[in-house]
Protein backbone atom coordinates (compact mmCIF):
# COMPACT_ATOMS: atom_id res chain seq x y z
CA UNK A 1 109.17 89.27 130.17
CA UNK A 2 111.18 89.21 126.93
CA UNK A 3 111.08 85.41 126.79
CA UNK A 4 107.39 85.38 127.51
CA UNK A 5 106.77 87.95 124.78
CA UNK A 6 108.76 85.95 122.23
CA UNK A 7 106.99 82.74 123.26
CA UNK A 8 103.64 84.46 122.97
CA UNK A 9 104.40 85.71 119.46
CA UNK A 10 105.52 82.24 118.41
CA UNK A 11 102.33 80.69 119.78
CA UNK A 12 100.21 83.29 118.01
CA UNK A 13 102.08 82.67 114.78
CA UNK A 14 101.51 78.93 115.12
CA UNK A 15 97.78 79.47 115.67
CA UNK A 16 97.53 81.71 112.60
CA UNK A 17 99.28 79.06 110.48
CA UNK A 18 96.93 76.32 111.69
CA UNK A 19 93.85 78.49 111.05
CA UNK A 20 95.14 79.36 107.58
CA UNK A 21 95.62 75.67 106.83
CA UNK A 22 92.10 74.84 107.99
CA UNK A 23 90.62 77.74 105.98
CA UNK A 24 92.50 76.66 102.88
CA UNK A 25 91.01 73.17 103.08
CA UNK A 26 87.53 74.66 103.31
CA UNK A 27 88.07 76.44 99.97
CA UNK A 28 88.31 73.56 97.53
CA UNK A 29 89.25 74.04 93.89
CA UNK A 30 89.20 71.53 91.06
CA UNK A 31 90.23 71.60 87.40
CA UNK A 32 86.93 73.06 86.18
CA UNK A 33 86.90 75.92 88.70
CA UNK A 34 90.49 76.83 87.86
CA UNK A 35 89.86 76.64 84.12
CA UNK A 36 86.72 78.77 84.46
CA UNK A 37 88.72 81.51 86.21
CA UNK A 38 91.40 81.35 83.53
CA UNK A 39 88.86 81.50 80.71
CA UNK A 40 87.29 84.60 82.30
CA UNK A 41 90.56 86.35 81.32
CA UNK A 42 89.84 85.59 77.66
CA UNK A 43 91.65 83.36 75.20
CA UNK A 44 95.39 83.37 75.59
CA UNK A 45 96.94 83.53 72.13
CA UNK A 46 100.50 84.36 73.22
CA UNK A 47 103.44 82.37 71.90
CA UNK A 48 104.66 81.90 75.50
CA UNK A 49 102.80 81.74 78.82
CA UNK A 50 105.14 82.28 81.78
CA UNK A 51 103.63 81.24 85.13
CA UNK A 52 104.61 82.17 88.67
CA UNK A 53 102.62 80.17 91.18
CA UNK A 54 101.62 79.36 94.73
CA UNK A 55 99.84 76.05 95.28
CA UNK A 56 98.19 76.99 98.58
CA UNK A 57 97.37 80.70 98.12
CA UNK A 58 93.97 80.15 96.50
CA UNK A 59 92.75 77.20 98.55
CA UNK A 60 92.95 73.42 98.57
CA UNK A 61 93.49 72.20 95.01
CA UNK A 62 92.19 68.70 94.39
CA UNK A 63 94.87 66.72 92.58
CA UNK A 64 97.59 69.19 93.55
CA UNK A 65 100.10 70.57 91.02
CA UNK A 66 98.97 68.18 88.26
CA UNK A 67 95.51 69.80 88.29
CA UNK A 68 96.99 73.27 87.89
CA UNK A 69 99.26 72.26 85.02
CA UNK A 70 96.39 70.46 83.27
CA UNK A 71 94.15 73.55 83.58
CA UNK A 72 96.90 75.80 82.21
CA UNK A 73 97.43 73.52 79.21
CA UNK A 74 93.66 73.40 78.64
CA UNK A 75 93.54 77.20 78.58
CA UNK A 76 96.32 77.78 76.04
CA UNK A 77 96.67 76.45 72.48
CA UNK A 78 99.00 73.51 71.80
CA UNK A 79 101.25 75.94 69.92
CA UNK A 80 101.88 78.03 73.05
CA UNK A 81 105.03 77.35 75.07
CA UNK A 82 104.31 76.91 78.79
CA UNK A 83 107.19 78.13 80.96
CA UNK A 84 107.83 78.32 84.70
CA UNK A 85 110.76 79.53 86.81
CA UNK A 86 112.68 76.74 88.57
CA UNK A 87 115.24 78.86 90.40
CA UNK A 88 117.72 77.12 92.70
CA UNK A 89 120.04 80.01 93.62
CA UNK A 90 123.02 77.63 93.66
CA UNK A 91 125.42 80.21 95.05
CA UNK A 92 128.59 79.55 97.06
CA UNK A 93 128.50 80.09 100.80
CA UNK A 94 131.33 82.29 101.99
CA UNK A 95 134.60 80.86 100.62
CA UNK A 96 133.13 77.45 99.71
CA UNK A 97 132.72 76.21 96.15
CA UNK A 98 129.27 76.73 94.68
CA UNK A 99 126.94 73.71 94.91
CA UNK A 100 126.57 71.79 91.65
CA UNK A 101 123.34 72.52 89.83
CA UNK A 102 121.94 69.48 88.03
CA UNK A 103 118.95 70.27 85.81
CA UNK A 104 117.77 66.67 86.15
CA UNK A 105 117.92 66.52 89.94
CA UNK A 106 118.17 69.88 91.73
CA UNK A 107 114.91 70.91 93.39
CA UNK A 108 113.17 74.10 92.32
CA UNK A 109 112.95 76.49 95.27
CA UNK A 110 110.14 78.65 93.89
CA UNK A 111 107.09 76.55 94.63
CA UNK A 112 105.61 73.07 94.58
CA UNK A 113 103.98 73.55 91.17
CA UNK A 114 107.27 74.50 89.51
CA UNK A 115 109.09 71.56 91.08
CA UNK A 116 106.39 69.22 89.79
CA UNK A 117 106.37 70.80 86.35
CA UNK A 118 110.05 70.41 85.44
CA UNK A 119 109.94 66.69 86.29
CA UNK A 120 107.22 65.93 83.73
CA UNK A 121 107.92 64.13 80.41
CA UNK A 122 108.98 66.35 77.50
CA UNK A 123 109.67 69.34 79.76
CA UNK A 124 113.01 71.04 79.05
CA UNK A 125 114.88 72.79 81.85
CA UNK A 126 117.60 75.37 81.26
CA UNK A 127 121.11 74.84 82.61
CA UNK A 128 121.59 78.18 84.33
CA UNK A 129 122.79 77.39 87.88
CA UNK A 130 120.87 80.11 89.73
CA UNK A 131 117.81 81.13 87.65
CA UNK A 132 116.82 78.12 85.56
CA UNK A 133 113.39 77.84 84.00
CA UNK A 134 111.42 74.93 82.56
CA UNK A 135 109.44 74.85 79.30
CA UNK A 136 106.97 72.56 77.60
CA UNK A 137 105.82 73.01 74.03
CA UNK A 138 107.18 74.05 70.64
CA UNK A 139 110.88 74.95 70.46
CA UNK A 140 111.52 74.36 74.17
CA UNK A 141 115.14 73.41 73.53
CA UNK A 142 115.73 76.55 71.48
CA UNK A 143 114.09 78.74 74.12
CA UNK A 144 116.40 77.44 76.88
CA UNK A 145 119.49 77.22 74.65
CA UNK A 146 122.76 78.45 76.20
CA UNK A 147 121.12 80.11 79.20
CA UNK A 148 124.09 78.86 81.22
CA UNK A 149 126.53 80.86 79.06
CA UNK A 150 125.04 84.25 79.94
CA UNK A 151 126.77 86.42 82.51
CA UNK A 152 123.50 87.67 83.99
CA UNK A 153 120.62 85.40 85.09
CA UNK A 154 117.78 87.42 83.54
CA UNK A 155 119.47 89.87 81.17
CA UNK A 156 120.71 89.87 77.56
CA UNK A 157 120.52 86.57 75.71
CA UNK A 158 118.53 84.79 78.44
CA UNK A 159 115.09 83.18 78.06
CA UNK A 160 113.72 85.98 80.24
CA UNK A 161 114.85 88.60 77.76
CA UNK A 162 113.34 86.51 74.95
CA UNK A 163 109.99 86.73 76.71
CA UNK A 164 109.98 90.54 76.80
CA UNK A 165 111.04 90.74 73.17
CA UNK A 166 108.34 88.39 71.85
CA UNK A 167 104.59 87.81 72.16
CA UNK A 168 104.57 86.47 75.72
CA UNK A 169 102.03 86.64 78.52
CA UNK A 170 102.52 86.13 82.25
CA UNK A 171 100.20 84.63 84.85
CA UNK A 172 100.66 85.03 88.59
CA UNK A 173 98.72 82.03 89.86
CA UNK A 174 98.12 82.95 93.50
CA UNK A 175 101.54 84.59 93.55
CA UNK A 176 102.18 88.29 94.04
CA UNK A 177 104.29 90.59 91.90
CA UNK A 178 107.07 90.22 94.48
CA UNK A 179 108.06 87.11 92.52
CA UNK A 180 107.78 88.68 89.05
CA UNK A 181 111.18 87.74 87.59
CA UNK A 182 110.80 89.99 84.56
CA UNK A 183 111.10 93.08 86.75
CA UNK A 184 114.78 92.11 87.06
CA UNK A 185 114.97 91.97 83.26
CA UNK A 186 113.64 95.54 83.16
CA UNK A 187 116.16 96.60 85.81
CA UNK A 188 118.91 95.11 83.67
CA UNK A 189 117.63 96.86 80.53
CA UNK A 190 117.56 100.20 82.36
CA UNK A 191 121.03 99.54 83.85
CA UNK A 192 120.01 100.48 87.38
CA UNK A 193 123.17 100.75 89.52
CA UNK A 194 122.00 98.63 92.46
CA UNK A 195 121.00 95.48 90.55
CA UNK A 196 124.14 93.35 90.94
CA UNK A 197 126.71 92.73 93.63
CA UNK A 198 130.10 94.31 92.80
CA UNK A 199 131.93 91.07 91.96
CA UNK A 200 131.01 88.12 89.74
CA UNK A 201 130.65 84.65 91.22
CA UNK A 202 131.79 81.31 89.87
CA UNK A 203 128.84 78.91 89.74
CA UNK A 204 128.71 75.28 88.61
CA UNK A 205 126.28 73.43 86.37
CA UNK A 206 126.18 69.88 85.02
CA UNK A 207 125.85 69.95 81.24
CA UNK A 208 124.35 67.35 78.92
CA UNK A 209 127.48 65.18 78.59
CA UNK A 210 127.71 64.89 82.37
CA UNK A 211 130.73 67.16 82.78
CA UNK A 212 130.76 70.23 85.03
CA UNK A 213 130.81 73.71 83.54
CA UNK A 214 132.02 76.64 85.61
CA UNK A 215 129.89 79.72 84.99
CA UNK A 216 130.92 83.29 85.74
CA UNK A 217 127.76 85.20 86.64
CA UNK A 218 126.65 88.40 88.29
CA UNK A 219 124.47 87.89 91.35
CA UNK A 220 121.47 90.13 91.89
CA UNK A 221 121.78 92.33 94.97
CA UNK A 222 118.75 91.29 96.98
CA UNK A 223 120.01 93.27 99.94
CA UNK A 224 118.19 96.21 98.30
CA UNK A 225 114.48 95.68 99.11
CA UNK A 226 112.09 96.14 96.18
CA UNK A 227 108.48 97.31 96.02
CA UNK A 228 107.33 95.07 93.16
CA UNK A 229 103.89 94.35 94.62
CA UNK A 230 103.18 98.05 95.09
CA UNK A 231 103.08 98.50 91.30
CA UNK A 232 99.97 96.35 90.86
CA UNK A 233 97.45 99.22 90.99
CA UNK A 234 99.47 101.33 88.54
CA UNK A 235 99.80 98.40 86.12
CA UNK A 236 96.07 97.71 86.38
CA UNK A 237 95.23 101.37 85.69
CA UNK A 238 97.49 101.22 82.62
CA UNK A 239 95.59 98.11 81.42
CA UNK A 240 98.83 96.13 81.54
CA UNK A 241 97.53 93.76 84.23
CA UNK A 242 94.15 92.18 84.96
CA UNK A 243 92.86 90.57 88.16
CA UNK A 244 90.48 87.68 88.81
CA UNK A 245 89.47 86.10 92.09
CA UNK A 246 90.17 82.40 92.53
CA UNK A 247 89.09 80.84 95.82
CA UNK A 248 90.69 82.80 98.63
CA UNK A 249 93.40 84.18 96.34
CA UNK A 250 93.62 85.80 92.93
CA UNK A 251 95.08 85.54 89.46
CA UNK A 252 97.14 88.40 88.06
CA UNK A 253 97.34 88.25 84.27
CA UNK A 254 99.71 90.25 82.08
CA UNK A 255 98.65 89.65 78.46
CA UNK A 256 101.66 91.43 76.92
CA UNK A 257 104.93 91.10 78.83
CA UNK A 258 106.69 93.23 76.22
CA UNK A 259 104.42 96.23 76.81
CA UNK A 260 104.79 96.02 80.58
CA UNK A 261 108.56 95.69 80.17
CA UNK A 262 108.72 98.78 77.97
CA UNK A 263 106.69 100.85 80.42
CA UNK A 264 108.67 99.76 83.48
CA UNK A 265 112.02 100.20 81.71
CA UNK A 266 110.99 103.71 80.67
CA UNK A 267 110.09 104.57 84.27
CA UNK A 268 113.38 103.14 85.54
CA UNK A 269 115.38 105.22 83.08
CA UNK A 270 113.57 108.30 84.37
CA UNK A 271 113.83 107.20 88.00
CA UNK A 272 116.31 104.34 88.68
CA UNK A 273 114.81 103.89 92.17
CA UNK A 274 111.25 103.36 90.89
CA UNK A 275 111.20 99.70 92.02
CA UNK A 276 113.17 100.20 95.25
CA UNK A 277 111.31 100.14 98.58
CA UNK A 278 111.07 103.59 100.16
CA UNK A 279 113.19 102.79 103.20
CA UNK A 280 116.03 101.59 100.98
CA UNK A 281 116.13 104.46 98.47
CA UNK A 282 118.87 106.43 100.21
CA UNK A 283 121.11 103.37 100.45
CA UNK A 284 120.44 102.32 96.83
CA UNK A 285 121.16 105.85 95.60
CA UNK A 286 124.65 105.62 97.08
CA UNK A 287 125.54 102.47 95.13
């Protein structure tokens, strides 16, 4: 009976995936439809636009990642820096040496759009071995500078901190707030006790002269489940986030990352478990 039940669940899961794929192809999006949805959010005048993305969440996009990137660049001024996460989480397994992160070769593990983006001409990718990001536009080199020398992936001195200290906006293109990296920056600012594992790790990154740099870095403790997506209604009520439908998915737009950061950091200082999932609060409180 147990085997049958497992087999049945697997078959049902396979059917759901096939139906989702078929439905996605029925909802077709092109450059103009994507740009129209973006423009409905108003003109983006931020110095930086940071984009989390899912290629398939909104439907079938004609032209794939290139269409999305073109629409994003059409929406923002030429003076705005376009940035995307290109995380690789190049951590060691057990007692093994950490895999070598190569900014010119290592695949981004946070979506097809991000992996396409960093490979484009004139795009600069940071050298941090676990939480790299890619940028295109003015001062890209400066924005990514020395990310690999920071002891935390998203904390002080990183490009992520720069975003919450400057005029930056964030777009979740079909992605949910579960992937909102800047929540970790707020957790770091508030010094929540559960954020990092108790010991630093030695990571490896290839630097510009081809040599290998060993990086001592704290690893985020993802064994503590978060409730990032559950904050969306609160953020919308506070006018820190705006929603727009796009195909079968939606866009979540945060026009001022600094204001959201300040609000979330304030809540975390009052309640360090604010972003922790309910079932994990007792465990996180003991850390």
